[in-house]
Protein backbone atom coordinates (compact mmCIF):
# COMPACT_ATOMS: atom_id res chain seq x y z
CA MET A 1 -8.46 21.87 -14.95
CA PRO A 2 -5.75 23.75 -15.92
CA GLN A 3 -2.56 21.53 -14.90
CA GLU A 4 -2.00 17.65 -15.30
CA TYR A 5 -0.29 15.31 -12.25
CA THR A 6 2.14 12.94 -12.54
CA VAL A 7 2.11 10.12 -10.47
CA ALA A 8 5.21 8.42 -9.65
CA ALA A 9 5.26 4.53 -10.03
CA THR A 10 5.88 4.43 -6.73
CA GLY A 11 5.83 5.50 -3.54
CA THR A 12 2.77 7.65 -1.55
CA VAL A 13 1.18 10.41 -3.59
CA ARG A 14 0.06 13.41 -0.94
CA TYR A 15 -3.26 15.40 -1.93
CA GLN A 16 -3.26 17.51 -4.67
CA HIS A 17 -4.85 21.03 -5.00
CA PHE A 18 -5.93 22.72 -8.33
CA ARG A 19 -7.80 26.06 -8.61
CA THR A 20 -8.26 27.38 -11.32
CA GLN A 21 -10.64 30.33 -12.10
CA THR A 22 -13.66 30.49 -14.44
CA ASP A 23 -13.21 34.30 -15.45
CA PHE A 24 -17.18 33.98 -15.55
CA LYS A 25 -18.92 37.60 -15.56
CA GLU A 26 -21.26 37.39 -13.17
CA ASP A 27 -23.54 34.28 -11.45
CA MET A 28 -23.72 31.33 -13.67
CA TRP A 29 -26.08 28.35 -11.99
CA VAL A 30 -24.76 24.73 -12.59
CA GLN A 31 -27.02 22.74 -14.72
CA ALA A 32 -24.55 19.74 -14.26
CA ALA A 33 -20.85 18.71 -13.65
CA GLU A 34 -18.62 15.93 -14.75
CA VAL A 35 -15.07 13.45 -13.63
CA ARG A 36 -13.36 12.25 -15.93
CA PRO A 37 -9.84 10.75 -14.29
CA GLY A 38 -7.42 10.12 -16.98
CA ASN A 39 -6.11 6.98 -15.24
CA ARG A 40 -7.95 5.10 -13.38
CA ALA A 41 -5.66 2.78 -12.66
CA VAL A 42 -3.91 5.74 -10.69
CA VAL A 43 -6.56 7.93 -9.61
CA HIS A 44 -8.30 7.16 -6.31
CA HIS A 45 -10.99 9.69 -5.82
CA VAL A 46 -11.97 13.41 -7.18
CA ILE A 47 -14.02 15.71 -5.25
CA VAL A 48 -14.85 19.34 -7.17
CA PHE A 49 -16.03 22.26 -4.84
CA TYR A 50 -17.02 25.24 -5.90
CA ARG A 51 -14.98 28.44 -3.78
CA ASP A 52 -16.78 31.46 -3.24
CA PRO A 53 -13.68 33.79 -3.78
CA LYS A 54 -14.66 36.19 -0.64
CA HIS A 55 -13.88 33.25 1.32
CA GLU A 56 -11.22 31.02 1.96
CA ARG A 57 -13.22 27.72 3.05
CA PRO A 58 -14.96 25.57 -0.46
CA ASP A 59 -18.78 26.59 0.49
CA THR A 60 -20.52 24.06 -2.42
CA TRP A 61 -19.43 20.28 -3.08
CA VAL A 62 -20.02 20.50 -7.17
CA ALA A 63 -18.62 17.16 -8.22
CA ALA A 64 -16.51 13.56 -7.99
CA THR A 65 -15.55 10.42 -8.76
CA ALA A 66 -14.30 7.66 -6.95
CA PRO A 67 -12.95 4.07 -7.52
CA GLY A 68 -16.23 1.50 -8.11
CA ALA A 69 -18.45 4.63 -8.99
CA SER A 70 -20.76 4.60 -11.70
CA GLN A 71 -20.78 6.94 -14.32
């Protein structure tokens, strides 16, 4: 992920949306994906989508994690 997000000690955090470029020169198949939150005490869940650059909406759900998920 190209940036980190600092979570305040109190209050509510709105959903955060981050975009990252792959810089692939050609189409690629994804064989595996892993989500590893830096601090599980403050990360409720992470959902990773692939977004076709030609469309605004996410196309494919790639990886995720949530409280209680096995690693």
